[in-house]
Amino acid sequence: MNARLEDFLADIRHAVEKHMHDDVARSELLGTLERIGKEDGVVGFTKSAMEFIAATDQYAQWLTRYAYTILFYLVPPYFSDETKSQIFVDVQRGRALLKRHRDCDVLPPHAKLHLGCGSRRVPGWLNVDIQRSDYDVDLAGGYLPWKSGVFDLVVSQHFVEHLELQAQLLPLFEELRRVLRQGGEIWLSCPDIEKICRSYLDHGMLDLLEDRRSRFPSYSLEDIPTCHLINDLFHQGGEHKNLFDFELLEWALNKTGFSEVVHVNEEDLLQRFPEFPARKDDAQSIYVWAIAA
């Protein structure tokens, strides 16, 4: 067995032994993990790795993302980290699609949709993302499984920039308009092109660097010039596909059935929905509100 893979499997084994308290579940996970890497060829390796991933999904979802990394050992070593990350995202999309491929005209348990929630679960909302959410959905796939007009509200913070504009985001906006009742509200935020460019021209990105450090004290550019922060905001290691200013967001929303688009800020959102945790990201973000026409 590859030494690096053996070390990696040992780390996962330690995590299972330390954190899994159910004897049956722990035994199954360890037994499946033991088979990984012992079969000959890629097919056997992939089969046992996918069996382990399925077991983590059943018994310990916190392990699933970690477990998917096993499959990265199948990716040629000359592939970049960005390519491997995109493969991982596509695997997540496929997993969410398979999980929901038969779902249609679903009635949600809440009339409030929190889209692209990540780890930020908000009580009283349907918290949706590609994995480990209340209802996993491939949000880049251009289809949502719910009945038309079942939501009153949609909130999505720092998610839309992860989708390609024409192929992914506009179809998603069309679907969001469909599942919102007429007059329903959508609240969006994402990095703001205008604020970033003004910071670069007027302050050399120092103000946004200070803002970033106030929220994430460990953030550092090391010895890279401060202007490099603009690359981080625009690309984020290949995760960001588009940034927006008000004009572009307004155009995208108007094109897909929304109207009365208004430029707001985080305070407006928190006053409307105090249950949301504060991000304190106005310095770099644009917030907008619109209604389903």
Protein backbone atom coordinates (compact mmCIF):
# COMPACT_ATOMS: atom_id res chain seq x y z
CA MET A 1 0.00 0.00 0.00
CA ASN A 2 1.15 3.55 -0.76
CA ALA A 3 2.80 4.96 2.39
CA ARG A 4 0.97 8.28 2.18
CA LEU A 5 -2.36 6.50 1.79
CA GLU A 6 -1.52 4.21 4.71
CA ASP A 7 -0.80 7.25 6.93
CA PHE A 8 -4.00 8.92 5.80
CA LEU A 9 -6.08 5.82 6.56
CA ALA A 10 -4.44 5.62 9.97
CA ASP A 11 -5.59 9.17 10.70
CA ILE A 12 -9.17 8.31 9.74
CA ARG A 13 -9.01 5.10 11.79
CA HIS A 14 -7.92 7.14 14.82
CA ALA A 15 -10.80 9.58 14.31
CA VAL A 16 -13.33 6.73 14.10
CA GLU A 17 -11.98 5.04 17.22
CA LYS A 18 -11.95 8.29 19.16
CA HIS A 19 -15.28 9.80 18.15
CA MET A 20 -17.59 6.90 17.26
CA HIS A 21 -19.31 5.69 20.42
CA ASP A 22 -21.78 3.25 18.87
CA ASP A 23 -20.06 -0.17 18.91
CA VAL A 24 -21.86 -1.56 15.85
CA ALA A 25 -21.31 1.55 13.74
CA ARG A 26 -17.67 1.81 14.79
CA SER A 27 -17.07 -1.84 13.95
CA GLU A 28 -18.60 -1.48 10.49
CA LEU A 29 -16.65 1.68 9.70
CA LEU A 30 -13.36 0.15 10.85
CA GLY A 31 -14.04 -3.08 8.97
CA THR A 32 -14.77 -1.21 5.74
CA LEU A 33 -11.76 1.03 6.25
CA GLU A 34 -9.55 -2.03 6.69
CA ARG A 35 -10.44 -3.27 3.19
CA ILE A 36 -9.43 -0.03 1.47
CA GLY A 37 -6.16 -0.39 -0.39
CA LYS A 38 -5.95 -4.17 -0.04
CA GLU A 39 -7.70 -5.04 -3.30
CA ASP A 40 -5.77 -5.12 -6.55
CA GLY A 41 -6.44 -2.38 -9.07
CA VAL A 42 -8.46 0.81 -9.19
CA VAL A 43 -11.87 -0.91 -9.37
CA GLY A 44 -11.47 -2.73 -6.07
CA PHE A 45 -9.99 0.32 -4.38
CA THR A 46 -12.85 2.53 -5.59
CA LYS A 47 -15.51 0.03 -4.52
CA SER A 48 -14.20 -0.27 -0.96
CA ALA A 49 -13.65 3.49 -0.70
CA MET A 50 -17.23 4.20 -1.81
CA GLU A 51 -18.52 1.61 0.67
CA PHE A 52 -16.71 3.47 3.44
CA ILE A 53 -18.14 6.80 2.27
CA ALA A 54 -21.65 5.32 2.25
CA ALA A 55 -21.10 4.03 5.79
CA THR A 56 -19.95 7.44 7.00
CA ASP A 57 -23.07 8.98 5.49
CA GLN A 58 -25.18 6.53 7.48
CA TYR A 59 -23.32 6.63 10.79
CA ALA A 60 -21.11 9.72 10.94
CA GLN A 61 -21.73 12.41 8.34
CA TRP A 62 -19.00 14.56 9.86
CA LEU A 63 -16.55 12.03 8.39
CA THR A 64 -17.93 12.12 4.85
CA ARG A 65 -15.91 15.07 3.52
CA TYR A 66 -12.79 13.65 5.12
CA ALA A 67 -13.53 10.25 3.63
CA TYR A 68 -13.96 11.58 0.10
CA THR A 69 -10.32 12.64 0.22
CA ILE A 70 -9.45 8.95 0.00
CA LEU A 71 -10.54 9.02 -3.62
CA PHE A 72 -8.10 11.82 -4.36
CA TYR A 73 -5.42 9.14 -4.31
CA LEU A 74 -6.95 7.94 -7.58
CA VAL A 75 -6.35 11.33 -9.18
CA PRO A 76 -3.03 11.63 -11.05
CA PRO A 77 -0.43 13.43 -8.91
CA TYR A 78 0.21 16.02 -11.63
CA PHE A 79 -3.35 17.37 -11.23
CA SER A 80 -3.44 20.67 -9.36
CA ASP A 81 -5.14 21.15 -6.00
CA GLU A 82 -7.72 23.29 -7.80
CA THR A 83 -8.52 20.44 -10.20
CA LYS A 84 -8.82 17.98 -7.33
CA SER A 85 -11.09 20.42 -5.49
CA GLN A 86 -13.33 20.70 -8.56
CA ILE A 87 -13.47 16.91 -8.84
CA PHE A 88 -14.54 16.82 -5.20
CA VAL A 89 -17.28 19.41 -5.86
CA ASP A 90 -18.53 17.42 -8.84
CA VAL A 91 -18.62 14.25 -6.72
CA GLN A 92 -20.68 16.15 -4.14
CA ARG A 93 -23.02 17.37 -6.87
CA GLY A 94 -23.44 13.85 -8.19
CA ARG A 95 -24.09 12.51 -4.71
CA ALA A 96 -26.76 15.17 -4.04
CA LEU A 97 -28.32 14.51 -7.45
CA LEU A 98 -28.51 10.77 -6.83
CA LYS A 99 -29.94 11.40 -3.39
CA ARG A 100 -32.78 13.57 -4.77
CA HIS A 101 -33.15 12.38 -8.36
CA ARG A 102 -36.72 11.21 -7.82
CA ASP A 103 -37.86 14.13 -5.70
CA CYS A 104 -40.29 16.55 -7.32
CA ASP A 105 -43.21 18.68 -6.16
CA VAL A 106 -41.97 18.36 -2.58
CA LEU A 107 -43.72 20.31 0.18
CA PRO A 108 -41.04 21.80 2.45
CA PRO A 109 -41.40 21.79 6.25
CA HIS A 110 -40.79 25.56 6.36
CA ALA A 111 -41.82 28.43 4.07
CA LYS A 112 -38.42 30.08 4.58
CA LEU A 113 -35.47 28.86 2.50
CA HIS A 114 -31.86 29.41 3.58
CA LEU A 115 -29.87 28.64 0.44
CA GLY A 116 -26.19 27.70 0.44
CA CYS A 117 -26.25 27.50 4.22
CA GLY A 118 -22.89 25.76 4.73
CA SER A 119 -22.45 25.13 8.44
CA ARG A 120 -24.73 28.05 9.42
CA ARG A 121 -28.02 26.42 10.39
CA VAL A 122 -30.80 28.91 11.20
CA PRO A 123 -33.75 27.61 13.29
CA GLY A 124 -37.14 27.87 11.62
CA TRP A 125 -35.65 27.85 8.11
CA LEU A 126 -35.07 25.06 5.60
CA ASN A 127 -31.26 25.10 5.49
CA VAL A 128 -30.17 23.80 2.09
CA ASP A 129 -26.76 23.09 0.57
CA ILE A 130 -24.98 20.45 -1.47
CA GLN A 131 -24.13 18.32 1.59
CA ARG A 132 -24.82 17.97 5.32
CA SER A 133 -27.88 20.23 5.21
CA ASP A 134 -31.56 19.80 6.03
CA TYR A 135 -32.14 18.88 2.38
CA ASP A 136 -29.10 18.29 0.14
CA VAL A 137 -29.56 19.65 -3.39
CA ASP A 138 -27.29 20.17 -6.40
CA LEU A 139 -27.77 23.94 -6.50
CA ALA A 140 -25.77 24.27 -9.73
CA GLY A 141 -27.99 21.80 -11.56
CA GLY A 142 -30.76 24.19 -12.65
CA TYR A 143 -33.57 22.37 -10.86
CA LEU A 144 -35.15 22.59 -7.40
CA PRO A 145 -37.37 19.76 -6.12
CA TRP A 146 -40.09 21.81 -4.42
CA LYS A 147 -43.59 22.67 -5.55
CA SER A 148 -44.17 26.06 -7.13
CA GLY A 149 -45.00 28.95 -4.83
CA VAL A 150 -44.26 27.16 -1.55
CA PHE A 151 -41.74 29.62 -0.07
CA ASP A 152 -42.34 33.10 1.29
CA LEU A 153 -38.70 33.99 1.79
CA VAL A 154 -35.25 33.12 0.45
CA VAL A 155 -31.98 34.23 2.05
CA SER A 156 -28.58 33.38 0.57
CA GLN A 157 -25.33 34.88 1.85
CA HIS A 158 -22.06 34.55 -0.03
CA PHE A 159 -23.16 31.68 -2.24
CA VAL A 160 -24.14 33.11 -5.64
CA GLU A 161 -20.51 33.99 -6.47
CA HIS A 162 -19.71 30.25 -6.54
CA LEU A 163 -21.91 29.66 -9.61
CA GLU A 164 -21.17 30.41 -13.26
CA LEU A 165 -23.50 33.24 -14.28
CA GLN A 166 -25.27 32.01 -17.42
CA ALA A 167 -25.08 28.23 -17.13
CA GLN A 168 -25.79 27.91 -13.39
CA LEU A 169 -26.91 31.08 -11.60
CA LEU A 170 -29.60 32.33 -13.99
CA PRO A 171 -31.30 28.89 -14.08
CA LEU A 172 -31.16 28.81 -10.26
CA PHE A 173 -32.73 32.26 -10.04
CA GLU A 174 -35.50 31.10 -12.40
CA GLU A 175 -36.14 28.13 -10.14
CA LEU A 176 -36.13 30.35 -7.04
CA ARG A 177 -38.72 32.57 -8.68
CA ARG A 178 -40.83 29.48 -9.38
CA VAL A 179 -40.74 28.13 -5.81
CA LEU A 180 -41.41 31.59 -4.30
CA ARG A 181 -44.99 32.79 -4.09
CA GLN A 182 -45.80 36.00 -5.93
CA GLY A 183 -44.62 38.85 -3.74
CA GLY A 184 -42.18 36.60 -1.89
CA GLU A 185 -38.84 38.12 -0.89
CA ILE A 186 -35.28 37.20 -1.80
CA TRP A 187 -32.26 38.54 0.10
CA LEU A 188 -28.78 38.02 -1.33
CA SER A 189 -25.23 38.97 -0.44
CA CYS A 190 -21.85 38.36 -2.06
CA PRO A 191 -18.47 40.10 -2.54
CA ASP A 192 -18.93 43.57 -4.04
CA ILE A 193 -16.86 44.42 -7.13
CA GLU A 194 -17.25 48.16 -6.52
CA LYS A 195 -16.09 48.07 -2.89
CA ILE A 196 -13.12 45.85 -3.77
CA CYS A 197 -12.03 48.09 -6.65
CA ARG A 198 -12.41 51.25 -4.56
CA SER A 199 -10.35 49.65 -1.80
CA TYR A 200 -7.62 48.76 -4.31
CA LEU A 201 -7.50 52.24 -5.82
CA ASP A 202 -7.93 54.29 -2.63
CA HIS A 203 -6.32 52.17 0.08
CA GLY A 204 -4.21 49.51 -1.61
CA MET A 205 -6.52 46.88 -0.02
CA LEU A 206 -5.29 47.74 3.48
CA ASP A 207 -8.78 48.56 4.75
CA LEU A 208 -10.20 45.25 3.54
CA LEU A 209 -7.22 43.39 4.95
CA GLU A 210 -7.89 44.97 8.35
CA ASP A 211 -11.57 44.07 7.99
CA ARG A 212 -10.67 40.45 7.16
CA ARG A 213 -8.36 40.20 10.17
CA SER A 214 -11.01 41.67 12.48
CA ARG A 215 -13.26 38.74 11.57
CA PHE A 216 -10.60 36.07 11.05
CA PRO A 217 -7.63 36.94 13.30
CA SER A 218 -5.46 34.12 11.93
CA TYR A 219 -5.77 35.34 8.32
CA SER A 220 -2.42 36.29 6.83
CA LEU A 221 -0.92 37.11 3.46
CA GLU A 222 2.49 36.30 4.96
CA ASP A 223 5.02 38.36 2.99
CA ILE A 224 2.86 38.74 -0.15
CA PRO A 225 1.99 42.37 -0.98
CA THR A 226 -1.42 43.48 0.30
CA CYS A 227 -2.80 43.92 -3.20
CA HIS A 228 -2.91 40.11 -3.45
CA LEU A 229 -6.07 40.19 -1.31
CA ILE A 230 -7.94 41.28 -4.43
CA ASN A 231 -7.05 37.92 -6.02
CA ASP A 232 -8.27 36.08 -2.93
CA LEU A 233 -11.61 37.89 -3.07
CA PHE A 234 -12.08 37.41 -6.80
CA HIS A 235 -10.94 33.79 -7.02
CA GLN A 236 -10.78 32.17 -3.54
CA GLY A 237 -8.67 29.29 -4.78
CA GLY A 238 -10.87 28.72 -7.83
CA GLU A 239 -14.12 28.59 -5.84
CA HIS A 240 -15.47 31.97 -7.00
CA LYS A 241 -16.86 32.14 -10.54
CA ASN A 242 -18.37 35.66 -10.62
CA LEU A 243 -18.40 38.73 -8.43
CA PHE A 244 -21.19 41.29 -8.61
CA ASP A 245 -22.00 44.94 -8.27
CA PHE A 246 -25.55 46.24 -7.92
CA GLU A 247 -26.06 46.66 -11.67
CA LEU A 248 -25.14 43.06 -12.45
CA LEU A 249 -27.20 41.57 -9.62
CA GLU A 250 -30.19 43.74 -10.54
CA TRP A 251 -29.92 42.63 -14.17
CA ALA A 252 -29.74 38.93 -13.21
CA LEU A 253 -32.74 39.20 -10.88
CA ASN A 254 -34.84 41.26 -13.30
CA LYS A 255 -34.06 38.80 -16.11
CA THR A 256 -35.35 35.86 -14.05
CA GLY A 257 -38.66 37.25 -12.78
CA PHE A 258 -37.79 39.48 -9.81
CA SER A 259 -38.56 43.17 -9.45
CA GLU A 260 -38.07 46.17 -7.16
CA VAL A 261 -34.43 45.25 -6.54
CA VAL A 262 -33.08 47.39 -3.69
CA HIS A 263 -29.51 47.90 -2.49
CA VAL A 264 -29.52 47.17 1.27
CA ASN A 265 -26.95 46.20 3.91
CA GLU A 266 -26.44 43.51 6.53
CA GLU A 267 -28.15 45.57 9.23
CA ASP A 268 -31.34 45.61 7.13
CA LEU A 269 -31.21 41.83 6.83
CA LEU A 270 -30.58 41.31 10.55
CA GLN A 271 -33.41 43.66 11.52
CA ARG A 272 -35.73 41.67 9.25
CA PHE A 273 -34.35 38.29 10.38
CA PRO A 274 -32.71 38.61 13.81
CA GLU A 275 -32.30 34.83 14.01
CA PHE A 276 -29.46 35.01 11.46
CA PRO A 277 -25.94 35.21 12.92
CA ALA A 278 -24.10 38.42 12.03
CA ARG A 279 -21.33 38.12 9.46
CA LYS A 280 -20.10 41.73 9.91
CA ASP A 281 -19.00 41.73 6.29
CA ASP A 282 -20.49 44.96 4.91
CA ALA A 283 -17.02 46.35 4.16
CA GLN A 284 -16.56 43.84 1.32
CA SER A 285 -20.13 42.74 0.52
CA ILE A 286 -23.13 43.87 -1.44
CA TYR A 287 -26.60 43.08 -0.07
CA VAL A 288 -29.75 43.27 -2.17
CA TRP A 289 -33.45 42.64 -1.62
CA ALA A 290 -36.04 41.89 -4.31
CA ILE A 291 -39.55 40.50 -4.68
CA ALA A 292 -40.93 37.75 -6.88
CA ALA A 293 -42.92 39.55 -9.56
